[in-house]
mmCIF file of all heavy atoms, coordinates in Angstrom:
data_MODEL
# 
_entry.id   MODEL 
# 
loop_
_atom_site.group_PDB 
_atom_site.id 
_atom_site.type_symbol 
_atom_site.label_atom_id 
_atom_site.label_alt_id 
_atom_site.label_comp_id 
_atom_site.label_asym_id 
_atom_site.label_entity_id 
_atom_site.label_seq_id 
_atom_site.pdbx_PDB_ins_code 
_atom_site.Cartn_x 
_atom_site.Cartn_y 
_atom_site.Cartn_z 
_atom_site.occupancy 
_atom_site.B_iso_or_equiv 
_atom_site.pdbx_formal_charge 
_atom_site.auth_seq_id 
_atom_site.auth_comp_id 
_atom_site.auth_asym_id 
_atom_site.auth_atom_id 
_atom_site.pdbx_PDB_model_num 
ATOM 1   N N   . ALA A 1 1  ? 74.713 86.974 66.068 1.00 0.00 ? 1  ALA A N   1 
ATOM 2   C CA  . ALA A 1 1  ? 74.645 86.068 67.221 1.00 0.00 ? 1  ALA A CA  1 
ATOM 3   C C   . ALA A 1 1  ? 75.802 85.061 67.207 1.00 0.00 ? 1  ALA A C   1 
ATOM 4   O O   . ALA A 1 1  ? 76.469 84.837 68.233 1.00 0.00 ? 1  ALA A O   1 
ATOM 5   C CB  . ALA A 1 1  ? 73.299 85.295 67.241 1.00 0.00 ? 1  ALA A CB  1 
ATOM 6   N N   . ALA A 1 2  ? 76.079 84.475 66.029 1.00 0.00 ? 2  ALA A N   1 
ATOM 7   C CA  . ALA A 1 2  ? 77.215 83.513 65.898 1.00 0.00 ? 2  ALA A CA  1 
ATOM 8   C C   . ALA A 1 2  ? 78.544 84.212 66.123 1.00 0.00 ? 2  ALA A C   1 
ATOM 9   O O   . ALA A 1 2  ? 79.439 83.626 66.791 1.00 0.00 ? 2  ALA A O   1 
ATOM 10  C CB  . ALA A 1 2  ? 77.151 82.850 64.534 1.00 0.00 ? 2  ALA A CB  1 
ATOM 11  N N   . SER A 1 3  ? 78.707 85.429 65.646 1.00 0.00 ? 3  SER A N   1 
ATOM 12  C CA  . SER A 1 3  ? 79.941 86.151 65.857 1.00 0.00 ? 3  SER A CA  1 
ATOM 13  C C   . SER A 1 3  ? 80.151 86.510 67.296 1.00 0.00 ? 3  SER A C   1 
ATOM 14  O O   . SER A 1 3  ? 81.267 86.367 67.834 1.00 0.00 ? 3  SER A O   1 
ATOM 15  C CB  . SER A 1 3  ? 79.937 87.454 65.012 1.00 0.00 ? 3  SER A CB  1 
ATOM 16  O OG  . SER A 1 3  ? 79.842 87.156 63.635 1.00 0.00 ? 3  SER A OG  1 
ATOM 17  N N   . LEU A 1 4  ? 79.100 86.920 67.974 1.00 0.00 ? 4  LEU A N   1 
ATOM 18  C CA  . LEU A 1 4  ? 79.197 87.217 69.420 1.00 0.00 ? 4  LEU A CA  1 
ATOM 19  C C   . LEU A 1 4  ? 79.483 85.962 70.224 1.00 0.00 ? 4  LEU A C   1 
ATOM 20  O O   . LEU A 1 4  ? 80.212 85.983 71.219 1.00 0.00 ? 4  LEU A O   1 
ATOM 21  C CB  . LEU A 1 4  ? 77.955 87.936 69.922 1.00 0.00 ? 4  LEU A CB  1 
ATOM 22  C CG  . LEU A 1 4  ? 77.752 89.370 69.398 1.00 0.00 ? 4  LEU A CG  1 
ATOM 23  C CD1 . LEU A 1 4  ? 76.378 89.895 69.783 1.00 0.00 ? 4  LEU A CD1 1 
ATOM 24  C CD2 . LEU A 1 4  ? 78.845 90.287 69.875 1.00 0.00 ? 4  LEU A CD2 1 
ATOM 25  N N   . ALA A 1 5  ? 78.861 84.838 69.838 1.00 0.00 ? 5  ALA A N   1 
ATOM 26  C CA  . ALA A 1 5  ? 79.113 83.578 70.521 1.00 0.00 ? 5  ALA A CA  1 
ATOM 27  C C   . ALA A 1 5  ? 80.603 83.170 70.407 1.00 0.00 ? 5  ALA A C   1 
ATOM 28  O O   . ALA A 1 5  ? 81.185 82.671 71.387 1.00 0.00 ? 5  ALA A O   1 
ATOM 29  C CB  . ALA A 1 5  ? 78.235 82.474 69.934 1.00 0.00 ? 5  ALA A CB  1 
ATOM 30  N N   . GLN A 1 6  ? 81.187 83.413 69.261 1.00 0.00 ? 6  GLN A N   1 
ATOM 31  C CA  . GLN A 1 6  ? 82.634 83.142 69.066 1.00 0.00 ? 6  GLN A CA  1 
ATOM 32  C C   . GLN A 1 6  ? 83.437 84.041 69.982 1.00 0.00 ? 6  GLN A C   1 
ATOM 33  O O   . GLN A 1 6  ? 84.431 83.584 70.588 1.00 0.00 ? 6  GLN A O   1 
ATOM 34  C CB  . GLN A 1 6  ? 83.051 83.312 67.617 1.00 0.00 ? 6  GLN A CB  1 
ATOM 35  C CG  . GLN A 1 6  ? 82.614 82.215 66.716 1.00 0.00 ? 6  GLN A CG  1 
ATOM 36  C CD  . GLN A 1 6  ? 83.096 82.392 65.258 1.00 0.00 ? 6  GLN A CD  1 
ATOM 37  O OE1 . GLN A 1 6  ? 83.580 83.472 64.903 1.00 0.00 ? 6  GLN A OE1 1 
ATOM 38  N NE2 . GLN A 1 6  ? 82.988 81.360 64.476 1.00 0.00 ? 6  GLN A NE2 1 
ATOM 39  N N   . GLU A 1 7  ? 83.070 85.303 70.069 1.00 0.00 ? 7  GLU A N   1 
ATOM 40  C CA  . GLU A 1 7  ? 83.800 86.219 70.962 1.00 0.00 ? 7  GLU A CA  1 
ATOM 41  C C   . GLU A 1 7  ? 83.674 85.782 72.414 1.00 0.00 ? 7  GLU A C   1 
ATOM 42  O O   . GLU A 1 7  ? 84.663 85.862 73.178 1.00 0.00 ? 7  GLU A O   1 
ATOM 43  C CB  . GLU A 1 7  ? 83.255 87.644 70.825 1.00 0.00 ? 7  GLU A CB  1 
ATOM 44  C CG  . GLU A 1 7  ? 83.733 88.347 69.610 1.00 0.00 ? 7  GLU A CG  1 
ATOM 45  C CD  . GLU A 1 7  ? 85.232 88.539 69.594 1.00 0.00 ? 7  GLU A CD  1 
ATOM 46  O OE1 . GLU A 1 7  ? 85.851 88.877 70.619 1.00 0.00 ? 7  GLU A OE1 1 
ATOM 47  O OE2 . GLU A 1 7  ? 85.836 88.332 68.523 1.00 0.00 ? 7  GLU A OE2 1 
ATOM 48  N N   . GLU A 1 8  ? 82.507 85.277 72.783 1.00 0.00 ? 8  GLU A N   1 
ATOM 49  C CA  . GLU A 1 8  ? 82.337 84.794 74.149 1.00 0.00 ? 8  GLU A CA  1 
ATOM 50  C C   . GLU A 1 8  ? 83.259 83.619 74.422 1.00 0.00 ? 8  GLU A C   1 
ATOM 51  O O   . GLU A 1 8  ? 83.902 83.541 75.454 1.00 0.00 ? 8  GLU A O   1 
ATOM 52  C CB  . GLU A 1 8  ? 80.885 84.408 74.395 1.00 0.00 ? 8  GLU A CB  1 
ATOM 53  C CG  . GLU A 1 8  ? 80.681 83.874 75.842 1.00 0.00 ? 8  GLU A CG  1 
ATOM 54  C CD  . GLU A 1 8  ? 79.342 83.214 76.033 1.00 0.00 ? 8  GLU A CD  1 
ATOM 55  O OE1 . GLU A 1 8  ? 78.799 82.562 75.104 1.00 0.00 ? 8  GLU A OE1 1 
ATOM 56  O OE2 . GLU A 1 8  ? 78.846 83.351 77.173 1.00 0.00 ? 8  GLU A OE2 1 
ATOM 57  N N   . LYS A 1 9  ? 83.340 82.689 73.483 1.00 0.00 ? 9  LYS A N   1 
ATOM 58  C CA  . LYS A 1 9  ? 84.225 81.512 73.620 1.00 0.00 ? 9  LYS A CA  1 
ATOM 59  C C   . LYS A 1 9  ? 85.667 81.920 73.779 1.00 0.00 ? 9  LYS A C   1 
ATOM 60  O O   . LYS A 1 9  ? 86.427 81.234 74.450 1.00 0.00 ? 9  LYS A O   1 
ATOM 61  C CB  . LYS A 1 9  ? 84.033 80.563 72.478 1.00 0.00 ? 9  LYS A CB  1 
ATOM 62  C CG  . LYS A 1 9  ? 82.742 79.798 72.523 1.00 0.00 ? 9  LYS A CG  1 
ATOM 63  C CD  . LYS A 1 9  ? 82.589 78.842 71.323 1.00 0.00 ? 9  LYS A CD  1 
ATOM 64  C CE  . LYS A 1 9  ? 81.238 78.208 71.368 1.00 0.00 ? 9  LYS A CE  1 
ATOM 65  N NZ  . LYS A 1 9  ? 80.996 77.393 70.152 1.00 0.00 ? 9  LYS A NZ  1 
ATOM 66  N N   . LYS A 1 10 ? 86.067 83.002 73.110 1.00 0.00 ? 10 LYS A N   1 
ATOM 67  C CA  . LYS A 1 10 ? 87.463 83.496 73.178 1.00 0.00 ? 10 LYS A CA  1 
ATOM 68  C C   . LYS A 1 10 ? 87.687 84.366 74.418 1.00 0.00 ? 10 LYS A C   1 
ATOM 69  O O   . LYS A 1 10 ? 88.782 84.815 74.671 1.00 0.00 ? 10 LYS A O   1 
ATOM 70  C CB  . LYS A 1 10 ? 87.828 84.317 71.952 1.00 0.00 ? 10 LYS A CB  1 
ATOM 71  C CG  . LYS A 1 10 ? 87.849 83.489 70.677 1.00 0.00 ? 10 LYS A CG  1 
ATOM 72  C CD  . LYS A 1 10 ? 88.401 84.273 69.481 1.00 0.00 ? 10 LYS A CD  1 
ATOM 73  C CE  . LYS A 1 10 ? 87.604 85.474 69.151 1.00 0.00 ? 10 LYS A CE  1 
ATOM 74  N NZ  . LYS A 1 10 ? 88.041 86.185 67.911 1.00 0.00 ? 10 LYS A NZ  1 
ATOM 75  N N   . GLY A 1 11 ? 86.655 84.579 75.186 1.00 0.00 ? 11 GLY A N   1 
ATOM 76  C CA  . GLY A 1 11 ? 86.765 85.404 76.403 1.00 0.00 ? 11 GLY A CA  1 
ATOM 77  C C   . GLY A 1 11 ? 86.638 86.897 76.134 1.00 0.00 ? 11 GLY A C   1 
ATOM 78  O O   . GLY A 1 11 ? 87.051 87.695 76.936 1.00 0.00 ? 11 GLY A O   1 
ATOM 79  N N   . GLY A 1 12 ? 86.061 87.263 74.997 1.00 0.00 ? 12 GLY A N   1 
ATOM 80  C CA  . GLY A 1 12 ? 85.957 88.674 74.630 1.00 0.00 ? 12 GLY A CA  1 
ATOM 81  C C   . GLY A 1 12 ? 84.725 89.368 75.124 1.00 0.00 ? 12 GLY A C   1 
ATOM 82  O O   . GLY A 1 12 ? 84.573 90.570 74.900 1.00 0.00 ? 12 GLY A O   1 
ATOM 83  N N   . LEU A 1 13 ? 83.823 88.651 75.773 1.00 0.00 ? 13 LEU A N   1 
ATOM 84  C CA  . LEU A 1 13 ? 82.622 89.251 76.330 1.00 0.00 ? 13 LEU A CA  1 
ATOM 85  C C   . LEU A 1 13 ? 82.536 88.965 77.807 1.00 0.00 ? 13 LEU A C   1 
ATOM 86  O O   . LEU A 1 13 ? 82.861 87.860 78.252 1.00 0.00 ? 13 LEU A O   1 
ATOM 87  C CB  . LEU A 1 13 ? 81.356 88.718 75.620 1.00 0.00 ? 13 LEU A CB  1 
ATOM 88  C CG  . LEU A 1 13 ? 81.156 89.090 74.158 1.00 0.00 ? 13 LEU A CG  1 
ATOM 89  C CD1 . LEU A 1 13 ? 79.986 88.331 73.592 1.00 0.00 ? 13 LEU A CD1 1 
ATOM 90  C CD2 . LEU A 1 13 ? 81.012 90.582 73.985 1.00 0.00 ? 13 LEU A CD2 1 
ATOM 91  N N   . LYS A 1 14 ? 82.067 89.946 78.558 1.00 0.00 ? 14 LYS A N   1 
ATOM 92  C CA  . LYS A 1 14 ? 81.847 89.753 80.009 1.00 0.00 ? 14 LYS A CA  1 
ATOM 93  C C   . LYS A 1 14 ? 80.586 88.893 80.206 1.00 0.00 ? 14 LYS A C   1 
ATOM 94  O O   . LYS A 1 14 ? 80.519 88.087 81.148 1.00 0.00 ? 14 LYS A O   1 
ATOM 95  C CB  . LYS A 1 14 ? 81.711 91.123 80.653 1.00 0.00 ? 14 LYS A CB  1 
ATOM 96  C CG  . LYS A 1 14 ? 81.607 91.104 82.116 1.00 0.00 ? 14 LYS A CG  1 
ATOM 97  C CD  . LYS A 1 14 ? 81.554 92.529 82.665 1.00 0.00 ? 14 LYS A CD  1 
ATOM 98  C CE  . LYS A 1 14 ? 81.432 92.523 84.205 1.00 0.00 ? 14 LYS A CE  1 
ATOM 99  N NZ  . LYS A 1 14 ? 81.417 93.881 84.683 1.00 0.00 ? 14 LYS A NZ  1 
ATOM 100 N N   . HIS A 1 15 ? 79.601 89.107 79.369 1.00 0.00 ? 15 HIS A N   1 
ATOM 101 C CA  . HIS A 1 15 ? 78.296 88.418 79.460 1.00 0.00 ? 15 HIS A CA  1 
ATOM 102 C C   . HIS A 1 15 ? 77.718 88.293 78.084 1.00 0.00 ? 15 HIS A C   1 
ATOM 103 O O   . HIS A 1 15 ? 77.849 89.184 77.281 1.00 0.00 ? 15 HIS A O   1 
ATOM 104 C CB  . HIS A 1 15 ? 77.361 89.220 80.359 1.00 0.00 ? 15 HIS A CB  1 
ATOM 105 C CG  . HIS A 1 15 ? 75.925 88.813 80.245 1.00 0.00 ? 15 HIS A CG  1 
ATOM 106 N ND1 . HIS A 1 15 ? 75.398 87.692 80.895 1.00 0.00 ? 15 HIS A ND1 1 
ATOM 107 C CD2 . HIS A 1 15 ? 74.886 89.360 79.576 1.00 0.00 ? 15 HIS A CD2 1 
ATOM 108 C CE1 . HIS A 1 15 ? 74.118 87.559 80.588 1.00 0.00 ? 15 HIS A CE1 1 
ATOM 109 N NE2 . HIS A 1 15 ? 73.773 88.572 79.805 1.00 0.00 ? 15 HIS A NE2 1 
ATOM 110 N N   . TYR A 1 16 ? 77.108 87.141 77.777 1.00 0.00 ? 16 TYR A N   1 
ATOM 111 C CA  . TYR A 1 16 ? 76.447 86.964 76.505 1.00 0.00 ? 16 TYR A CA  1 
ATOM 112 C C   . TYR A 1 16 ? 75.242 86.031 76.708 1.00 0.00 ? 16 TYR A C   1 
ATOM 113 O O   . TYR A 1 16 ? 75.350 85.003 77.354 1.00 0.00 ? 16 TYR A O   1 
ATOM 114 C CB  . TYR A 1 16 ? 77.388 86.346 75.480 1.00 0.00 ? 16 TYR A CB  1 
ATOM 115 C CG  . TYR A 1 16 ? 76.699 86.021 74.149 1.00 0.00 ? 16 TYR A CG  1 
ATOM 116 C CD1 . TYR A 1 16 ? 76.274 87.026 73.289 1.00 0.00 ? 16 TYR A CD1 1 
ATOM 117 C CD2 . TYR A 1 16 ? 76.484 84.689 73.781 1.00 0.00 ? 16 TYR A CD2 1 
ATOM 118 C CE1 . TYR A 1 16 ? 75.652 86.721 72.129 1.00 0.00 ? 16 TYR A CE1 1 
ATOM 119 C CE2 . TYR A 1 16 ? 75.848 84.388 72.622 1.00 0.00 ? 16 TYR A CE2 1 
ATOM 120 C CZ  . TYR A 1 16 ? 75.430 85.381 71.781 1.00 0.00 ? 16 TYR A CZ  1 
ATOM 121 O OH  . TYR A 1 16 ? 74.795 85.079 70.561 1.00 0.00 ? 16 TYR A OH  1 
ATOM 122 N N   . ARG A 1 17 ? 74.115 86.423 76.121 1.00 0.00 ? 17 ARG A N   1 
ATOM 123 C CA  . ARG A 1 17 ? 72.893 85.591 76.170 1.00 0.00 ? 17 ARG A CA  1 
ATOM 124 C C   . ARG A 1 17 ? 72.187 85.781 74.830 1.00 0.00 ? 17 ARG A C   1 
ATOM 125 O O   . ARG A 1 17 ? 72.048 86.876 74.343 1.00 0.00 ? 17 ARG A O   1 
ATOM 126 C CB  . ARG A 1 17 ? 72.011 85.971 77.324 1.00 0.00 ? 17 ARG A CB  1 
ATOM 127 C CG  . ARG A 1 17 ? 70.759 85.106 77.451 1.00 0.00 ? 17 ARG A CG  1 
ATOM 128 C CD  . ARG A 1 17 ? 69.876 85.502 78.596 1.00 0.00 ? 17 ARG A CD  1 
ATOM 129 N NE  . ARG A 1 17 ? 69.092 86.698 78.329 1.00 0.00 ? 17 ARG A NE  1 
ATOM 130 C CZ  . ARG A 1 17 ? 67.979 86.717 77.577 1.00 0.00 ? 17 ARG A CZ  1 
ATOM 131 N NH1 . ARG A 1 17 ? 67.519 85.616 77.048 1.00 0.00 ? 17 ARG A NH1 1 
ATOM 132 N NH2 . ARG A 1 17 ? 67.321 87.859 77.391 1.00 0.00 ? 17 ARG A NH2 1 
ATOM 133 N N   . CYS A 1 18 ? 71.763 84.672 74.283 1.00 0.00 ? 18 CYS A N   1 
ATOM 134 C CA  . CYS A 1 18 ? 70.970 84.710 73.035 1.00 0.00 ? 18 CYS A CA  1 
ATOM 135 C C   . CYS A 1 18 ? 69.834 83.727 73.167 1.00 0.00 ? 18 CYS A C   1 
ATOM 136 O O   . CYS A 1 18 ? 70.034 82.566 73.492 1.00 0.00 ? 18 CYS A O   1 
ATOM 137 C CB  . CYS A 1 18 ? 71.878 84.305 71.868 1.00 0.00 ? 18 CYS A CB  1 
ATOM 138 S SG  . CYS A 1 18 ? 70.979 84.293 70.293 1.00 0.00 ? 18 CYS A SG  1 
ATOM 139 N N   . GLN A 1 19 ? 68.638 84.210 72.915 1.00 0.00 ? 19 GLN A N   1 
ATOM 140 C CA  . GLN A 1 19 ? 67.469 83.408 72.982 1.00 0.00 ? 19 GLN A CA  1 
ATOM 141 C C   . GLN A 1 19 ? 66.690 83.514 71.670 1.00 0.00 ? 19 GLN A C   1 
ATOM 142 O O   . GLN A 1 19 ? 66.308 84.617 71.264 1.00 0.00 ? 19 GLN A O   1 
ATOM 143 C CB  . GLN A 1 19 ? 66.559 83.817 74.142 1.00 0.00 ? 19 GLN A CB  1 
ATOM 144 C CG  . GLN A 1 19 ? 65.330 82.952 74.324 1.00 0.00 ? 19 GLN A CG  1 
ATOM 145 C CD  . GLN A 1 19 ? 64.559 83.361 75.547 1.00 0.00 ? 19 GLN A CD  1 
ATOM 146 O OE1 . GLN A 1 19 ? 65.014 84.083 76.428 1.00 0.00 ? 19 GLN A OE1 1 
ATOM 147 N NE2 . GLN A 1 19 ? 63.326 82.919 75.610 1.00 0.00 ? 19 GLN A NE2 1 
ATOM 148 N N   . MET A 1 20 ? 66.566 82.374 70.958 1.00 0.00 ? 20 MET A N   1 
ATOM 149 C CA  . MET A 1 20 ? 65.839 82.363 69.690 1.00 0.00 ? 20 MET A CA  1 
ATOM 150 C C   . MET A 1 20 ? 64.568 81.555 69.816 1.00 0.00 ? 20 MET A C   1 
ATOM 151 O O   . MET A 1 20 ? 64.560 80.486 70.444 1.00 0.00 ? 20 MET A O   1 
ATOM 152 C CB  . MET A 1 20 ? 66.710 81.726 68.600 1.00 0.00 ? 20 MET A CB  1 
ATOM 153 C CG  . MET A 1 20 ? 67.862 82.502 68.147 1.00 0.00 ? 20 MET A CG  1 
ATOM 154 S SD  . MET A 1 20 ? 68.654 81.749 66.713 1.00 0.00 ? 20 MET A SD  1 
ATOM 155 C CE  . MET A 1 20 ? 70.368 81.915 67.193 1.00 0.00 ? 20 MET A CE  1 
ATOM 156 N N   . GLU A 1 21 ? 63.520 82.098 69.238 1.00 0.00 ? 21 GLU A N   1 
ATOM 157 C CA  . GLU A 1 21 ? 62.231 81.399 69.095 1.00 0.00 ? 21 GLU A CA  1 
ATOM 158 C C   . GLU A 1 21 ? 61.702 81.690 67.717 1.00 0.00 ? 21 GLU A C   1 
ATOM 159 O O   . GLU A 1 21 ? 62.227 82.560 67.016 1.00 0.00 ? 21 GLU A O   1 
ATOM 160 C CB  . GLU A 1 21 ? 61.259 81.908 70.184 1.00 0.00 ? 21 GLU A CB  1 
ATOM 161 C CG  . GLU A 1 21 ? 61.681 81.596 71.584 1.00 0.00 ? 21 GLU A CG  1 
ATOM 162 C CD  . GLU A 1 21 ? 60.701 82.140 72.634 1.00 0.00 ? 21 GLU A CD  1 
ATOM 163 O OE1 . GLU A 1 21 ? 59.550 82.470 72.258 1.00 0.00 ? 21 GLU A OE1 1 
ATOM 164 O OE2 . GLU A 1 21 ? 61.100 82.239 73.826 1.00 0.00 ? 21 GLU A OE2 1 
ATOM 165 N N   . ASP A 1 22 ? 60.674 81.004 67.311 1.00 0.00 ? 22 ASP A N   1 
ATOM 166 C CA  . ASP A 1 22 ? 60.098 81.226 66.001 1.00 0.00 ? 22 ASP A CA  1 
ATOM 167 C C   . ASP A 1 22 ? 59.624 82.689 65.937 1.00 0.00 ? 22 ASP A C   1 
ATOM 168 O O   . ASP A 1 22 ? 58.752 83.084 66.712 1.00 0.00 ? 22 ASP A O   1 
ATOM 169 C CB  . ASP A 1 22 ? 58.951 80.256 65.733 1.00 0.00 ? 22 ASP A CB  1 
ATOM 170 C CG  . ASP A 1 22 ? 58.373 80.429 64.338 1.00 0.00 ? 22 ASP A CG  1 
ATOM 171 O OD1 . ASP A 1 22 ? 59.173 80.683 63.398 1.00 0.00 ? 22 ASP A OD1 1 
ATOM 172 O OD2 . ASP A 1 22 ? 57.135 80.341 64.201 1.00 0.00 ? 22 ASP A OD2 1 
ATOM 173 N N   . GLY A 1 23 ? 60.204 83.430 65.063 1.00 0.00 ? 23 GLY A N   1 
ATOM 174 C CA  . GLY A 1 23 ? 59.762 84.806 64.851 1.00 0.00 ? 23 GLY A CA  1 
ATOM 175 C C   . GLY A 1 23 ? 60.374 85.843 65.782 1.00 0.00 ? 23 GLY A C   1 
ATOM 176 O O   . GLY A 1 23 ? 60.032 87.021 65.728 1.00 0.00 ? 23 GLY A O   1 
ATOM 177 N N   . SER A 1 24 ? 61.342 85.417 66.639 1.00 0.00 ? 24 SER A N   1 
ATOM 178 C CA  . SER A 1 24 ? 61.993 86.412 67.492 1.00 0.00 ? 24 SER A CA  1 
ATOM 179 C C   . SER A 1 24 ? 63.375 85.912 67.917 1.00 0.00 ? 24 SER A C   1 
ATOM 180 O O   . SER A 1 24 ? 63.649 84.755 68.013 1.00 0.00 ? 24 SER A O   1 
ATOM 181 C CB  . SER A 1 24 ? 61.159 86.733 68.713 1.00 0.00 ? 24 SER A CB  1 
ATOM 182 O OG  . SER A 1 24 ? 61.118 85.634 69.602 1.00 0.00 ? 24 SER A OG  1 
ATOM 183 N N   . ILE A 1 25 ? 64.206 86.871 68.229 1.00 0.00 ? 25 ILE A N   1 
ATOM 184 C CA  . ILE A 1 25 ? 65.550 86.627 68.808 1.00 0.00 ? 25 ILE A CA  1 
ATOM 185 C C   . ILE A 1 25 ? 65.883 87.786 69.716 1.00 0.00 ? 25 ILE A C   1 
ATOM 186 O O   . ILE A 1 25 ? 65.558 88.936 69.414 1.00 0.00 ? 25 ILE A O   1 
ATOM 187 C CB  . ILE A 1 25 ? 66.608 86.425 67.689 1.00 0.00 ? 25 ILE A CB  1 
ATOM 188 C CG1 . ILE A 1 25 ? 67.945 86.017 68.306 1.00 0.00 ? 25 ILE A CG1 1 
ATOM 189 C CG2 . ILE A 1 25 ? 66.724 87.636 66.824 1.00 0.00 ? 25 ILE A CG2 1 
ATOM 190 C CD1 . ILE A 1 25 ? 68.976 85.578 67.294 1.00 0.00 ? 25 ILE A CD1 1 
ATOM 191 N N   . GLU A 1 26 ? 66.458 87.469 70.852 1.00 0.00 ? 26 GLU A N   1 
ATOM 192 C CA  . GLU A 1 26 ? 66.934 88.465 71.772 1.00 0.00 ? 26 GLU A CA  1 
ATOM 193 C C   . GLU A 1 26 ? 68.393 88.207 72.112 1.00 0.00 ? 26 GLU A C   1 
ATOM 194 O O   . GLU A 1 26 ? 68.738 87.034 72.401 1.00 0.00 ? 26 GLU A O   1 
ATOM 195 C CB  . GLU A 1 26 ? 66.114 88.446 73.055 1.00 0.00 ? 26 GLU A CB  1 
ATOM 196 C CG  . GLU A 1 26 ? 64.700 89.005 72.878 1.00 0.00 ? 26 GLU A CG  1 
ATOM 197 C CD  . GLU A 1 26 ? 63.972 89.111 74.202 1.00 0.00 ? 26 GLU A CD  1 
ATOM 198 O OE1 . GLU A 1 26 ? 64.620 89.349 75.237 1.00 0.00 ? 26 GLU A OE1 1 
ATOM 199 O OE2 . GLU A 1 26 ? 62.729 89.009 74.169 1.00 0.00 ? 26 GLU A OE2 1 
ATOM 200 N N   . ILE A 1 27 ? 69.207 89.216 72.009 1.00 0.00 ? 27 ILE A N   1 
ATOM 201 C CA  . ILE A 1 27 ? 70.626 89.102 72.288 1.00 0.00 ? 27 ILE A CA  1 
ATOM 202 C C   . ILE A 1 27 ? 70.956 90.157 73.320 1.00 0.00 ? 27 ILE A C   1 
ATOM 203 O O   . ILE A 1 27 ? 70.562 91.324 73.226 1.00 0.00 ? 27 ILE A O   1 
ATOM 204 C CB  . ILE A 1 27 ? 71.471 89.364 71.008 1.00 0.00 ? 27 ILE A CB  1 
ATOM 205 C CG1 . ILE A 1 27 ? 71.185 88.302 69.949 1.00 0.00 ? 27 ILE A CG1 1 
ATOM 206 C CG2 . ILE A 1 27 ? 72.971 89.408 71.357 1.00 0.00 ? 27 ILE A CG2 1 
ATOM 207 C CD1 . ILE A 1 27 ? 71.817 88.592 68.601 1.00 0.00 ? 27 ILE A CD1 1 
# 
């Protein structure tokens, strides 16, 4: 998730979403 977030900041992703909750994460 952190690596993809860095790629998004550099403009390397068209779309990025990450949702974290206790016991789950969706990317």
